[in-house]
Amino acid sequence: GESFLDKMISMVEGAKRQKTPNEIALTILLITLTVIFM
């Protein structure tokens, strides 16, 4: 369960995909704009 092929399948499926710093910053911006327009 720890082979390179297992890791490939896991990564390609996106099961362990995490948000990037840029994406997190953009999410915060979107939340801020949403609150402002509310």
All heavy atoms as atom14 arrays in JSON, in Angstrom:
{
  "sequence": "GESFLDKMISMVEGAKRQKTPNEIALTILLITLTVIFM",
  "atom14_mask": [
    [1, 1, 1, 1, 0, 0, 0, 0, 0, 0, 0, 0, 0, 0],
    [1, 1, 1, 1, 1, 1, 1, 1, 1, 0, 0, 0, 0, 0],
    [1, 1, 1, 1, 1, 1, 0, 0, 0, 0, 0, 0, 0, 0],
    [1, 1, 1, 1, 1, 1, 1, 1, 1, 1, 1, 0, 0, 0],
    [1, 1, 1, 1, 1, 1, 1, 1, 0, 0, 0, 0, 0, 0],
    [1, 1, 1, 1, 1, 1, 1, 1, 0, 0, 0, 0, 0, 0],
    [1, 1, 1, 1, 1, 1, 1, 1, 1, 0, 0, 0, 0, 0],
    [1, 1, 1, 1, 1, 1, 1, 1, 0, 0, 0, 0, 0, 0],
    [1, 1, 1, 1, 1, 1, 1, 1, 0, 0, 0, 0, 0, 0],
    [1, 1, 1, 1, 1, 1, 0, 0, 0, 0, 0, 0, 0, 0],
    [1, 1, 1, 1, 1, 1, 1, 1, 0, 0, 0, 0, 0, 0],
    [1, 1, 1, 1, 1, 1, 1, 0, 0, 0, 0, 0, 0, 0],
    [1, 1, 1, 1, 1, 1, 1, 1, 1, 0, 0, 0, 0, 0],
    [1, 1, 1, 1, 0, 0, 0, 0, 0, 0, 0, 0, 0, 0],
    [1, 1, 1, 1, 1, 0, 0, 0, 0, 0, 0, 0, 0, 0],
    [1, 1, 1, 1, 1, 1, 1, 1, 1, 0, 0, 0, 0, 0],
    [1, 1, 1, 1, 1, 1, 1, 1, 1, 1, 1, 0, 0, 0],
    [1, 1, 1, 1, 1, 1, 1, 1, 1, 0, 0, 0, 0, 0],
    [1, 1, 1, 1, 1, 1, 1, 1, 1, 0, 0, 0, 0, 0],
    [1, 1, 1, 1, 1, 1, 1, 0, 0, 0, 0, 0, 0, 0],
    [1, 1, 1, 1, 1, 1, 1, 0, 0, 0, 0, 0, 0, 0],
    [1, 1, 1, 1, 1, 1, 1, 1, 0, 0, 0, 0, 0, 0],
    [1, 1, 1, 1, 1, 1, 1, 1, 1, 0, 0, 0, 0, 0],
    [1, 1, 1, 1, 1, 1, 1, 1, 0, 0, 0, 0, 0, 0],
    [1, 1, 1, 1, 1, 0, 0, 0, 0, 0, 0, 0, 0, 0],
    [1, 1, 1, 1, 1, 1, 1, 1, 0, 0, 0, 0, 0, 0],
    [1, 1, 1, 1, 1, 1, 1, 0, 0, 0, 0, 0, 0, 0],
    [1, 1, 1, 1, 1, 1, 1, 1, 0, 0, 0, 0, 0, 0],
    [1, 1, 1, 1, 1, 1, 1, 1, 0, 0, 0, 0, 0, 0],
    [1, 1, 1, 1, 1, 1, 1, 1, 0, 0, 0, 0, 0, 0],
    [1, 1, 1, 1, 1, 1, 1, 1, 0, 0, 0, 0, 0, 0],
    [1, 1, 1, 1, 1, 1, 1, 0, 0, 0, 0, 0, 0, 0],
    [1, 1, 1, 1, 1, 1, 1, 1, 0, 0, 0, 0, 0, 0],
    [1, 1, 1, 1, 1, 1, 1, 0, 0, 0, 0, 0, 0, 0],
    [1, 1, 1, 1, 1, 1, 1, 0, 0, 0, 0, 0, 0, 0],
    [1, 1, 1, 1, 1, 1, 1, 1, 0, 0, 0, 0, 0, 0],
    [1, 1, 1, 1, 1, 1, 1, 1, 1, 1, 1, 0, 0, 0],
    [1, 1, 1, 1, 1, 1, 1, 1, 0, 0, 0, 0, 0, 0]
  ],
  "atom14_positions": [
    [[0.79, -1.23, 0.0], [0.0, 0.0, 0.0], [0.82, 1.27, 0.0], [0.26, 2.36, -0.01], [0.0, 0.0, 0.0], [0.0, 0.0, 0.0], [0.0, 0.0, 0.0], [0.0, 0.0, 0.0], [0.0, 0.0, 0.0], [0.0, 0.0, 0.0], [0.0, 0.0, 0.0], [0.0, 0.0, 0.0], [0.0, 0.0, 0.0], [0.0, 0.0, 0.0]],
    [[2.16, 1.14, 0.01], [3.02, 2.32, 0.06], [3.89, 2.46, -1.18], [4.84, 3.25, -1.19], [3.93, 2.26, 1.3], [3.16, 2.25, 2.62], [4.1, 2.11, 3.8], [5.32, 1.96, 3.59], [3.62, 2.13, 4.95], [0.0, 0.0, 0.0], [0.0, 0.0, 0.0], [0.0, 0.0, 0.0], [0.0, 0.0, 0.0], [0.0, 0.0, 0.0]],
    [[3.59, 1.71, -2.22], [4.43, 1.75, -3.42], [4.24, 3.07, -4.16], [3.28, 3.82, -3.91], [4.09, 0.58, -4.35], [2.8, 0.77, -4.92], [0.0, 0.0, 0.0], [0.0, 0.0, 0.0], [0.0, 0.0, 0.0], [0.0, 0.0, 0.0], [0.0, 0.0, 0.0], [0.0, 0.0, 0.0], [0.0, 0.0, 0.0], [0.0, 0.0, 0.0]],
    [[5.13, 3.31, -5.1], [5.06, 4.53, -5.89], [3.76, 4.57, -6.69], [3.14, 5.63, -6.83], [6.26, 4.59, -6.83], [6.32, 5.84, -7.66], [6.37, 7.08, -7.07], [6.34, 5.76, -9.05], [6.43, 8.23, -7.83], [6.4, 6.91, -9.81], [6.45, 8.14, -9.2], [0.0, 0.0, 0.0], [0.0, 0.0, 0.0], [0.0, 0.0, 0.0]],
    [[3.33, 3.41, -7.2], [2.09, 3.36, -7.96], [0.89, 3.69, -7.07], [-0.05, 4.38, -7.5], [1.92, 1.98, -8.6], [0.77, 1.82, -9.6], [0.9, 2.84, -10.71], [0.75, 0.42, -10.16], [0.0, 0.0, 0.0], [0.0, 0.0, 0.0], [0.0, 0.0, 0.0], [0.0, 0.0, 0.0], [0.0, 0.0, 0.0], [0.0, 0.0, 0.0]],
    [[0.91, 3.22, -5.82], [-0.17, 3.56, -4.88], [-0.22, 5.07, -4.66], [-1.29, 5.67, -4.62], [0.05, 2.85, -3.54], [-0.19, 1.36, -3.62], [-1.19, 0.97, -4.23], [0.63, 0.6, -3.09], [0.0, 0.0, 0.0], [0.0, 0.0, 0.0], [0.0, 0.0, 0.0], [0.0, 0.0, 0.0], [0.0, 0.0, 0.0], [0.0, 0.0, 0.0]],
    [[0.97, 5.67, -4.5], [1.03, 7.12, -4.3], [0.54, 7.86, -5.54], [-0.14, 8.88, -5.46], [2.45, 7.55, -3.96], [2.94, 7.04, -2.61], [4.38, 7.45, -2.36], [4.89, 6.9, -1.03], [6.31, 7.23, -0.79], [0.0, 0.0, 0.0], [0.0, 0.0, 0.0], [0.0, 0.0, 0.0], [0.0, 0.0, 0.0], [0.0, 0.0, 0.0]],
    [[0.9, 7.34, -6.72], [0.46, 7.96, -7.96], [-1.06, 7.99, -8.04], [-1.67, 9.01, -8.34], [1.0, 7.18, -9.17], [2.46, 7.44, -9.49], [3.0, 6.45, -10.9], [1.93, 7.11, -12.18], [0.0, 0.0, 0.0], [0.0, 0.0, 0.0], [0.0, 0.0, 0.0], [0.0, 0.0, 0.0], [0.0, 0.0, 0.0], [0.0, 0.0, 0.0]],
    [[-1.68, 6.84, -7.75], [-3.14, 6.75, -7.82], [-3.77, 7.71, -6.83], [-4.72, 8.43, -7.14], [-3.59, 5.3, -7.55], [-3.11, 4.38, -8.69], [-5.11, 5.23, -7.41], [-3.31, 2.91, -8.41], [0.0, 0.0, 0.0], [0.0, 0.0, 0.0], [0.0, 0.0, 0.0], [0.0, 0.0, 0.0], [0.0, 0.0, 0.0], [0.0, 0.0, 0.0]],
    [[-3.23, 7.75, -5.62], [-3.76, 8.63, -4.59], [-3.64, 10.1, -4.99], [-4.57, 10.89, -4.84], [-3.02, 8.39, -3.27], [-3.47, 9.29, -2.28], [0.0, 0.0, 0.0], [0.0, 0.0, 0.0], [0.0, 0.0, 0.0], [0.0, 0.0, 0.0], [0.0, 0.0, 0.0], [0.0, 0.0, 0.0], [0.0, 0.0, 0.0], [0.0, 0.0, 0.0]],
    [[-2.46, 10.47, -5.54], [-2.24, 11.86, -5.93], [-3.11, 12.26, -7.11], [-3.68, 13.35, -7.14], [-0.77, 12.09, -6.27], [0.18, 11.95, -5.11], [-0.18, 13.11, -3.77], [-0.43, 11.96, -2.44], [0.0, 0.0, 0.0], [0.0, 0.0, 0.0], [0.0, 0.0, 0.0], [0.0, 0.0, 0.0], [0.0, 0.0, 0.0], [0.0, 0.0, 0.0]],
    [[-3.2, 11.37, -8.1], [-3.98, 11.69, -9.3], [-5.46, 11.84, -8.95], [-6.16, 12.69, -9.48], [-3.78, 10.61, -10.38], [-4.74, 10.8, -11.53], [-2.35, 10.66, -10.9], [0.0, 0.0, 0.0], [0.0, 0.0, 0.0], [0.0, 0.0, 0.0], [0.0, 0.0, 0.0], [0.0, 0.0, 0.0], [0.0, 0.0, 0.0], [0.0, 0.0, 0.0]],
    [[-5.95, 11.01, -8.05], [-7.35, 11.12, -7.63], [-7.61, 12.4, -6.85], [-8.75, 12.81, -6.68], [-7.72, 9.91, -6.77], [-7.91, 8.64, -7.57], [-8.32, 7.47, -6.69], [-7.84, 7.4, -5.55], [-9.11, 6.64, -7.14], [0.0, 0.0, 0.0], [0.0, 0.0, 0.0], [0.0, 0.0, 0.0], [0.0, 0.0, 0.0], [0.0, 0.0, 0.0]],
    [[-6.54, 13.04, -6.38], [-6.7, 14.29, -5.65], [-7.14, 14.09, -4.22], [-7.59, 15.04, -3.56], [0.0, 0.0, 0.0], [0.0, 0.0, 0.0], [0.0, 0.0, 0.0], [0.0, 0.0, 0.0], [0.0, 0.0, 0.0], [0.0, 0.0, 0.0], [0.0, 0.0, 0.0], [0.0, 0.0, 0.0], [0.0, 0.0, 0.0], [0.0, 0.0, 0.0]],
    [[-7.01, 12.86, -3.71], [-7.5, 12.58, -2.36], [-6.75, 13.38, -1.3], [-7.31, 13.74, -0.28], [-7.35, 11.08, -2.06], [0.0, 0.0, 0.0], [0.0, 0.0, 0.0], [0.0, 0.0, 0.0], [0.0, 0.0, 0.0], [0.0, 0.0, 0.0], [0.0, 0.0, 0.0], [0.0, 0.0, 0.0], [0.0, 0.0, 0.0], [0.0, 0.0, 0.0]],
    [[-5.48, 13.7, -1.58], [-4.68, 14.41, -0.58], [-4.38, 15.84, -0.99], [-3.49, 16.47, -0.46], [-3.36, 13.65, -0.34], [-3.56, 12.27, 0.26], [-2.23, 11.61, 0.54], [-2.42, 10.22, 1.14], [-1.12, 9.56, 1.41], [0.0, 0.0, 0.0], [0.0, 0.0, 0.0], [0.0, 0.0, 0.0], [0.0, 0.0, 0.0], [0.0, 0.0, 0.0]],
    [[-5.12, 16.33, -1.96], [-4.85, 17.69, -2.44], [-5.19, 18.71, -1.36], [-6.27, 18.69, -0.79], [-5.67, 17.98, -3.7], [-5.44, 19.38, -4.22], [-6.32, 19.68, -5.42], [-6.11, 21.04, -5.85], [-6.78, 22.09, -5.36], [-7.68, 21.91, -4.44], [-6.53, 23.3, -5.79], [0.0, 0.0, 0.0], [0.0, 0.0, 0.0], [0.0, 0.0, 0.0]],
    [[-4.26, 19.59, -1.08], [-4.48, 20.65, -0.1], [-4.47, 22.0, -0.8], [-3.87, 22.17, -1.86], [-3.37, 20.62, 0.95], [-3.36, 19.33, 1.77], [-2.24, 19.32, 2.78], [-1.36, 20.17, 2.76], [-2.27, 18.36, 3.69], [0.0, 0.0, 0.0], [0.0, 0.0, 0.0], [0.0, 0.0, 0.0], [0.0, 0.0, 0.0], [0.0, 0.0, 0.0]],
    [[-5.16, 22.96, -0.2], [-5.17, 24.31, -0.79], [-3.8, 24.95, -0.66], [-3.12, 24.78, 0.35], [-6.23, 25.18, -0.08], [-7.66, 24.84, -0.46], [-8.64, 25.86, 0.09], [-10.05, 25.59, -0.39], [-11.01, 26.6, 0.07], [0.0, 0.0, 0.0], [0.0, 0.0, 0.0], [0.0, 0.0, 0.0], [0.0, 0.0, 0.0], [0.0, 0.0, 0.0]],
    [[-3.41, 25.67, -1.68], [-2.13, 26.35, -1.68], [-2.25, 27.68, -0.92], [-3.36, 28.18, -0.71], [-1.68, 26.64, -3.12], [-2.61, 27.56, -3.71], [-1.65, 25.36, -3.94], [0.0, 0.0, 0.0], [0.0, 0.0, 0.0], [0.0, 0.0, 0.0], [0.0, 0.0, 0.0], [0.0, 0.0, 0.0], [0.0, 0.0, 0.0], [0.0, 0.0, 0.0]],
    [[-1.12, 28.27, -0.5], [-1.18, 29.57, 0.19], [-1.9, 30.64, -0.63], [-2.68, 31.43, -0.09], [0.3, 29.93, 0.38], [0.99, 28.61, 0.43], [0.24, 27.72, -0.52], [0.0, 0.0, 0.0], [0.0, 0.0, 0.0], [0.0, 0.0, 0.0], [0.0, 0.0, 0.0], [0.0, 0.0, 0.0], [0.0, 0.0, 0.0], [0.0, 0.0, 0.0]],
    [[-1.65, 30.66, -1.94], [-2.31, 31.63, -2.81], [-3.81, 31.4, -2.84], [-4.61, 32.34, -2.79], [-1.72, 31.53, -4.22], [-2.31, 32.56, -5.16], [-3.43, 32.4, -5.63], [-1.55, 33.6, -5.43], [0.0, 0.0, 0.0], [0.0, 0.0, 0.0], [0.0, 0.0, 0.0], [0.0, 0.0, 0.0], [0.0, 0.0, 0.0], [0.0, 0.0, 0.0]],
    [[-4.18, 30.13, -2.87], [-5.6, 29.77, -2.9], [-6.28, 30.12, -1.58], [-7.42, 30.59, -1.55], [-5.73, 28.28, -3.19], [-7.11, 27.84, -3.65], [-7.13, 26.4, -4.11], [-6.06, 25.8, -4.24], [-8.24, 25.88, -4.35], [0.0, 0.0, 0.0], [0.0, 0.0, 0.0], [0.0, 0.0, 0.0], [0.0, 0.0, 0.0], [0.0, 0.0, 0.0]],
    [[-5.57, 29.9, -0.47], [-6.11, 30.26, 0.84], [-6.31, 31.77, 0.94], [-7.34, 32.25, 1.43], [-5.18, 29.75, 1.96], [-5.17, 28.21, 2.0], [-5.61, 30.31, 3.31], [-4.14, 27.63, 2.94], [0.0, 0.0, 0.0], [0.0, 0.0, 0.0], [0.0, 0.0, 0.0], [0.0, 0.0, 0.0], [0.0, 0.0, 0.0], [0.0, 0.0, 0.0]],
    [[-5.31, 32.53, 0.46], [-5.41, 33.99, 0.49], [-6.59, 34.46, -0.36], [-7.33, 35.38, 0.03], [-4.12, 34.61, -0.03], [0.0, 0.0, 0.0], [0.0, 0.0, 0.0], [0.0, 0.0, 0.0], [0.0, 0.0, 0.0], [0.0, 0.0, 0.0], [0.0, 0.0, 0.0], [0.0, 0.0, 0.0], [0.0, 0.0, 0.0], [0.0, 0.0, 0.0]],
    [[-6.78, 33.82, -1.52], [-7.89, 34.2, -2.38], [-9.23, 33.85, -1.73], [-10.2, 34.61, -1.83], [-7.75, 33.49, -3.73], [-8.81, 33.82, -4.79], [-8.88, 35.32, -5.03], [-8.52, 33.07, -6.08], [0.0, 0.0, 0.0], [0.0, 0.0, 0.0], [0.0, 0.0, 0.0], [0.0, 0.0, 0.0], [0.0, 0.0, 0.0], [0.0, 0.0, 0.0]],
    [[-9.28, 32.72, -1.04], [-10.5, 32.33, -0.34], [-10.86, 33.35, 0.73], [-12.02, 33.73, 0.9], [-10.33, 30.93, 0.3], [-10.04, 29.98, -0.72], [-11.61, 30.51, 1.03], [0.0, 0.0, 0.0], [0.0, 0.0, 0.0], [0.0, 0.0, 0.0], [0.0, 0.0, 0.0], [0.0, 0.0, 0.0], [0.0, 0.0, 0.0], [0.0, 0.0, 0.0]],
    [[-9.83, 33.81, 1.46], [-10.06, 34.85, 2.49], [-10.59, 36.12, 1.84], [-11.51, 36.78, 2.37], [-8.75, 35.13, 3.26], [-8.36, 33.89, 4.07], [-8.92, 36.34, 4.18], [-6.99, 34.0, 4.73], [0.0, 0.0, 0.0], [0.0, 0.0, 0.0], [0.0, 0.0, 0.0], [0.0, 0.0, 0.0], [0.0, 0.0, 0.0], [0.0, 0.0, 0.0]],
    [[-10.02, 36.49, 0.69], [-10.5, 37.68, -0.04], [-11.96, 37.52, -0.44], [-12.77, 38.45, -0.27], [-9.64, 37.91, -1.28], [-10.12, 39.01, -2.24], [-10.09, 40.37, -1.56], [-9.28, 39.03, -3.51], [0.0, 0.0, 0.0], [0.0, 0.0, 0.0], [0.0, 0.0, 0.0], [0.0, 0.0, 0.0], [0.0, 0.0, 0.0], [0.0, 0.0, 0.0]],
    [[-12.31, 36.33, -0.94], [-13.69, 36.09, -1.37], [-14.66, 36.15, -0.19], [-15.77, 36.68, -0.3], [-13.79, 34.74, -2.08], [-12.97, 34.58, -3.37], [-13.21, 33.22, -3.99], [-13.29, 35.68, -4.36], [0.0, 0.0, 0.0], [0.0, 0.0, 0.0], [0.0, 0.0, 0.0], [0.0, 0.0, 0.0], [0.0, 0.0, 0.0], [0.0, 0.0, 0.0]],
    [[-14.23, 35.59, 0.94], [-15.07, 35.64, 2.14], [-15.27, 37.09, 2.59], [-16.38, 37.5, 2.96], [-14.44, 34.8, 3.27], [-14.46, 33.31, 2.9], [-15.19, 35.02, 4.59], [-13.71, 32.44, 3.89], [0.0, 0.0, 0.0], [0.0, 0.0, 0.0], [0.0, 0.0, 0.0], [0.0, 0.0, 0.0], [0.0, 0.0, 0.0], [0.0, 0.0, 0.0]],
    [[-14.19, 37.86, 2.55], [-14.26, 39.27, 2.94], [-15.24, 40.04, 2.04], [-16.09, 40.8, 2.53], [-12.87, 39.92, 2.86], [-11.97, 39.19, 3.71], [-12.93, 41.37, 3.31], [0.0, 0.0, 0.0], [0.0, 0.0, 0.0], [0.0, 0.0, 0.0], [0.0, 0.0, 0.0], [0.0, 0.0, 0.0], [0.0, 0.0, 0.0], [0.0, 0.0, 0.0]],
    [[-15.12, 39.82, 0.74], [-16.04, 40.49, -0.2], [-17.47, 40.05, 0.03], [-18.41, 40.86, -0.06], [-15.62, 40.18, -1.64], [-14.31, 40.83, -2.11], [-13.94, 40.32, -3.5], [-14.44, 42.35, -2.13], [0.0, 0.0, 0.0], [0.0, 0.0, 0.0], [0.0, 0.0, 0.0], [0.0, 0.0, 0.0], [0.0, 0.0, 0.0], [0.0, 0.0, 0.0]],
    [[-17.65, 38.77, 0.34], [-19.0, 38.26, 0.6], [-19.61, 38.93, 1.83], [-20.77, 39.35, 1.82], [-18.96, 36.73, 0.81], [-18.43, 36.11, -0.37], [-20.35, 36.17, 1.08], [0.0, 0.0, 0.0], [0.0, 0.0, 0.0], [0.0, 0.0, 0.0], [0.0, 0.0, 0.0], [0.0, 0.0, 0.0], [0.0, 0.0, 0.0], [0.0, 0.0, 0.0]],
    [[-18.8, 39.06, 2.89], [-19.28, 39.71, 4.11], [-19.61, 41.18, 3.83], [-20.64, 41.7, 4.29], [-18.22, 39.6, 5.23], [-18.62, 40.45, 6.43], [-18.04, 38.14, 5.64], [0.0, 0.0, 0.0], [0.0, 0.0, 0.0], [0.0, 0.0, 0.0], [0.0, 0.0, 0.0], [0.0, 0.0, 0.0], [0.0, 0.0, 0.0], [0.0, 0.0, 0.0]],
    [[-18.75, 41.85, 3.06], [-18.99, 43.27, 2.74], [-20.31, 43.44, 2.0], [-21.13, 44.32, 2.32], [-17.81, 43.83, 1.9], [-16.56, 43.95, 2.77], [-18.18, 45.19, 1.3], [-15.32, 44.32, 2.0], [0.0, 0.0, 0.0], [0.0, 0.0, 0.0], [0.0, 0.0, 0.0], [0.0, 0.0, 0.0], [0.0, 0.0, 0.0], [0.0, 0.0, 0.0]],
    [[-20.54, 42.59, 0.99], [-21.78, 42.71, 0.21], [-23.01, 42.28, 1.01], [-24.11, 42.76, 0.77], [-21.67, 41.92, -1.1], [-20.92, 42.66, -2.18], [-19.72, 42.19, -2.67], [-21.43, 43.85, -2.7], [-19.03, 42.87, -3.66], [-20.75, 44.54, -3.69], [-19.55, 44.05, -4.17], [0.0, 0.0, 0.0], [0.0, 0.0, 0.0], [0.0, 0.0, 0.0]],
    [[-22.82, 41.39, 1.98], [-23.94, 41.04, 2.87], [-24.34, 42.27, 3.68], [-25.54, 42.55, 3.85], [-23.54, 39.89, 3.8], [-23.46, 38.53, 3.11], [-22.99, 37.19, 4.23], [-24.46, 37.08, 5.24], [0.0, 0.0, 0.0], [0.0, 0.0, 0.0], [0.0, 0.0, 0.0], [0.0, 0.0, 0.0], [0.0, 0.0, 0.0], [0.0, 0.0, 0.0]]
  ]
}
